[in-house]
Amino acid sequence: MSDTPTTLRHHLQQLEAELRAAALWGAQPPSEQALASTMPFMYDTLQIEEWLQWVFVPRLHALLDANAPLPGNCSVHPLAEHEWNSRFPQGPHATALQVLARIDATLTVAAAG
């Protein structure tokens, strides 16, 4: 049986490293107003990489730290793929997408188990 929290933490660390390598990791957090969006993925105020950095990754770490239930049926990869392939057709984000696919799979399998 796999250790989902350990696997997920590893994937989150990989995601951060890949976003940094692709120059998709920002130094400044978004405004409080931008983070107050109620839209899915805060798409009206944030780019997908900002949402990943400032919302998705910290929330998953917080859930893991609290030993709280993890979300299931995660589907972040398709949105990131669409956004990045549209904005950066030749961009260096392929490995980050692979990591996001692994995060989606890890959360979906954990929810099914």
C-alpha atoms as a PDB file:
ATOM      1  CA  MET A   1       0.000   0.000   0.000  1.00  0.00           C
ATOM      2  CA  SER A   2       1.365   3.422  -0.900  1.00  0.00           C
ATOM      3  CA  ASP A   3       1.996   6.218   1.545  1.00  0.00           C
ATOM      4  CA  THR A   4      -0.174   8.911  -0.028  1.00  0.00           C
ATOM      5  CA  PRO A   5       0.955  11.810   2.212  1.00  0.00           C
ATOM      6  CA  THR A   6       4.642  11.125   1.540  1.00  0.00           C
ATOM      7  CA  THR A   7       4.033  10.650  -2.182  1.00  0.00           C
ATOM      8  CA  LEU A   8       1.956  13.808  -2.381  1.00  0.00           C
ATOM      9  CA  ARG A   9       4.538  15.887  -0.505  1.00  0.00           C
ATOM     10  CA  HIS A  10       7.217  14.635  -2.879  1.00  0.00           C
ATOM     11  CA  HIS A  11       5.080  15.598  -5.892  1.00  0.00           C
ATOM     12  CA  LEU A  12       4.409  19.053  -4.427  1.00  0.00           C
ATOM     13  CA  GLN A  13       8.138  19.616  -3.933  1.00  0.00           C
ATOM     14  CA  GLN A  14       8.755  18.484  -7.510  1.00  0.00           C
ATOM     15  CA  LEU A  15       6.033  20.815  -8.769  1.00  0.00           C
ATOM     16  CA  GLU A  16       7.607  23.798  -7.025  1.00  0.00           C
ATOM     17  CA  ALA A  17      11.024  22.911  -8.449  1.00  0.00           C
ATOM     18  CA  GLU A  18       9.622  22.553 -11.966  1.00  0.00           C
ATOM     19  CA  LEU A  19       7.645  25.786 -11.762  1.00  0.00           C
ATOM     20  CA  ARG A  20      10.797  27.570 -10.621  1.00  0.00           C
ATOM     21  CA  ALA A  21      12.807  26.000 -13.447  1.00  0.00           C
ATOM     22  CA  ALA A  22      10.166  27.118 -15.971  1.00  0.00           C
ATOM     23  CA  ALA A  23      10.168  30.672 -14.532  1.00  0.00           C
ATOM     24  CA  LEU A  24       6.540  30.185 -13.465  1.00  0.00           C
ATOM     25  CA  TRP A  25       7.149  30.743  -9.736  1.00  0.00           C
ATOM     26  CA  GLY A  26       6.687  34.327  -8.604  1.00  0.00           C
ATOM     27  CA  ALA A  27       8.471  36.301  -5.907  1.00  0.00           C
ATOM     28  CA  GLN A  28       5.528  38.490  -4.917  1.00  0.00           C
ATOM     29  CA  PRO A  29       2.188  37.146  -3.694  1.00  0.00           C
ATOM     30  CA  PRO A  30      -0.989  38.326  -5.386  1.00  0.00           C
ATOM     31  CA  SER A  31      -3.030  41.028  -3.718  1.00  0.00           C
ATOM     32  CA  GLU A  32      -5.553  40.107  -1.030  1.00  0.00           C
ATOM     33  CA  GLN A  33      -8.233  41.230  -3.475  1.00  0.00           C
ATOM     34  CA  ALA A  34      -6.986  38.769  -6.122  1.00  0.00           C
ATOM     35  CA  LEU A  35      -6.915  35.952  -3.561  1.00  0.00           C
ATOM     36  CA  ALA A  36     -10.487  36.767  -2.492  1.00  0.00           C
ATOM     37  CA  SER A  37     -11.913  35.557  -5.808  1.00  0.00           C
ATOM     38  CA  THR A  38     -14.682  32.986  -5.522  1.00  0.00           C
ATOM     39  CA  MET A  39     -14.286  31.703  -9.087  1.00  0.00           C
ATOM     40  CA  PRO A  40     -12.885  28.201  -9.652  1.00  0.00           C
ATOM     41  CA  PHE A  41      -9.087  28.336  -9.747  1.00  0.00           C
ATOM     42  CA  MET A  42      -9.498  32.109  -9.207  1.00  0.00           C
ATOM     43  CA  TYR A  43      -9.267  32.308 -12.991  1.00  0.00           C
ATOM     44  CA  ASP A  44     -10.662  35.820 -13.011  1.00  0.00           C
ATOM     45  CA  THR A  45      -7.787  37.202 -10.931  1.00  0.00           C
ATOM     46  CA  LEU A  46      -4.846  34.758 -11.155  1.00  0.00           C
ATOM     47  CA  GLN A  47      -2.864  32.902 -13.787  1.00  0.00           C
ATOM     48  CA  ILE A  48      -2.853  29.122 -13.233  1.00  0.00           C
ATOM     49  CA  GLU A  49       0.750  29.188 -12.015  1.00  0.00           C
ATOM     50  CA  GLU A  50      -0.135  31.856  -9.423  1.00  0.00           C
ATOM     51  CA  TRP A  51      -3.062  29.774  -8.217  1.00  0.00           C
ATOM     52  CA  LEU A  52      -0.834  26.715  -7.973  1.00  0.00           C
ATOM     53  CA  GLN A  53       1.840  28.601  -6.023  1.00  0.00           C
ATOM     54  CA  TRP A  54      -0.299  30.659  -3.685  1.00  0.00           C
ATOM     55  CA  VAL A  55      -3.410  28.487  -3.224  1.00  0.00           C
ATOM     56  CA  PHE A  56      -3.129  24.859  -4.372  1.00  0.00           C
ATOM     57  CA  VAL A  57       0.313  23.925  -3.019  1.00  0.00           C
ATOM     58  CA  PRO A  58      -0.107  25.690   0.365  1.00  0.00           C
ATOM     59  CA  ARG A  59      -3.595  24.222   0.880  1.00  0.00           C
ATOM     60  CA  LEU A  60      -2.428  20.700   0.156  1.00  0.00           C
ATOM     61  CA  HIS A  61       0.516  21.127   2.531  1.00  0.00           C
ATOM     62  CA  ALA A  62      -1.866  22.457   5.188  1.00  0.00           C
ATOM     63  CA  LEU A  63      -4.185  19.465   4.748  1.00  0.00           C
ATOM     64  CA  LEU A  64      -1.232  17.098   4.997  1.00  0.00           C
ATOM     65  CA  ASP A  65       0.102  18.899   8.095  1.00  0.00           C
ATOM     66  CA  ALA A  66      -3.319  18.617   9.748  1.00  0.00           C
ATOM     67  CA  ASN A  67      -3.750  14.991   8.678  1.00  0.00           C
ATOM     68  CA  ALA A  68      -7.048  16.177   7.175  1.00  0.00           C
ATOM     69  CA  PRO A  69      -8.941  14.490   4.347  1.00  0.00           C
ATOM     70  CA  LEU A  70      -7.498  15.211   0.933  1.00  0.00           C
ATOM     71  CA  PRO A  71      -9.563  16.314  -2.044  1.00  0.00           C
ATOM     72  CA  GLY A  72     -10.493  13.605  -4.503  1.00  0.00           C
ATOM     73  CA  ASN A  73     -10.951  13.409  -8.234  1.00  0.00           C
ATOM     74  CA  CYS A  74      -8.422  16.157  -8.777  1.00  0.00           C
ATOM     75  CA  SER A  75      -8.218  17.522 -12.328  1.00  0.00           C
ATOM     76  CA  VAL A  76      -5.767  20.410 -12.273  1.00  0.00           C
ATOM     77  CA  HIS A  77      -3.544  19.053 -15.053  1.00  0.00           C
ATOM     78  CA  PRO A  78      -6.026  19.622 -17.930  1.00  0.00           C
ATOM     79  CA  LEU A  79      -6.523  23.280 -17.005  1.00  0.00           C
ATOM     80  CA  ALA A  80      -2.795  23.925 -16.622  1.00  0.00           C
ATOM     81  CA  GLU A  81      -2.093  22.152 -19.896  1.00  0.00           C
ATOM     82  CA  HIS A  82      -4.683  24.257 -21.715  1.00  0.00           C
ATOM     83  CA  GLU A  83      -3.484  27.523 -20.178  1.00  0.00           C
ATOM     84  CA  TRP A  84       0.236  26.967 -20.586  1.00  0.00           C
ATOM     85  CA  ASN A  85       0.038  25.477 -24.072  1.00  0.00           C
ATOM     86  CA  SER A  86      -2.038  28.497 -25.147  1.00  0.00           C
ATOM     87  CA  ARG A  87       0.279  31.052 -23.559  1.00  0.00           C
ATOM     88  CA  PHE A  88       3.628  29.293 -24.009  1.00  0.00           C
ATOM     89  CA  PRO A  89       3.446  26.974 -27.041  1.00  0.00           C
ATOM     90  CA  GLN A  90       7.196  26.343 -26.867  1.00  0.00           C
ATOM     91  CA  GLY A  91       7.503  26.883 -23.104  1.00  0.00           C
ATOM     92  CA  PRO A  92       9.525  24.815 -20.653  1.00  0.00           C
ATOM     93  CA  HIS A  93       6.488  23.626 -18.695  1.00  0.00           C
ATOM     94  CA  ALA A  94       6.245  20.006 -19.916  1.00  0.00           C
ATOM     95  CA  THR A  95       7.798  18.503 -16.783  1.00  0.00           C
ATOM     96  CA  ALA A  96       5.577  20.616 -14.514  1.00  0.00           C
ATOM     97  CA  LEU A  97       2.580  19.215 -16.407  1.00  0.00           C
ATOM     98  CA  GLN A  98       3.826  15.674 -15.822  1.00  0.00           C
ATOM     99  CA  VAL A  99       4.091  16.381 -12.099  1.00  0.00           C
ATOM    100  CA  LEU A 100       0.583  17.854 -12.058  1.00  0.00           C
ATOM    101  CA  ALA A 101      -0.712  14.700 -13.744  1.00  0.00           C
ATOM    102  CA  ARG A 102       0.924  12.642 -10.978  1.00  0.00           C
ATOM    103  CA  ILE A 103      -0.659  14.862  -8.305  1.00  0.00           C
ATOM    104  CA  ASP A 104      -4.086  14.463  -9.942  1.00  0.00           C
ATOM    105  CA  ALA A 105      -3.609  10.688 -10.094  1.00  0.00           C
ATOM    106  CA  THR A 106      -2.379  10.458  -6.491  1.00  0.00           C
ATOM    107  CA  LEU A 107      -5.372  12.381  -5.152  1.00  0.00           C
ATOM    108  CA  THR A 108      -7.863  10.531  -7.322  1.00  0.00           C
ATOM    109  CA  VAL A 109      -6.514   7.112  -6.306  1.00  0.00           C
ATOM    110  CA  ALA A 110      -6.447   8.145  -2.627  1.00  0.00           C
ATOM    111  CA  ALA A 111     -10.095   9.215  -2.831  1.00  0.00           C
ATOM    112  CA  ALA A 112     -11.085   5.907  -4.460  1.00  0.00           C
ATOM    113  CA  GLY A 113      -9.228   3.850  -1.861  1.00  0.00           C
END
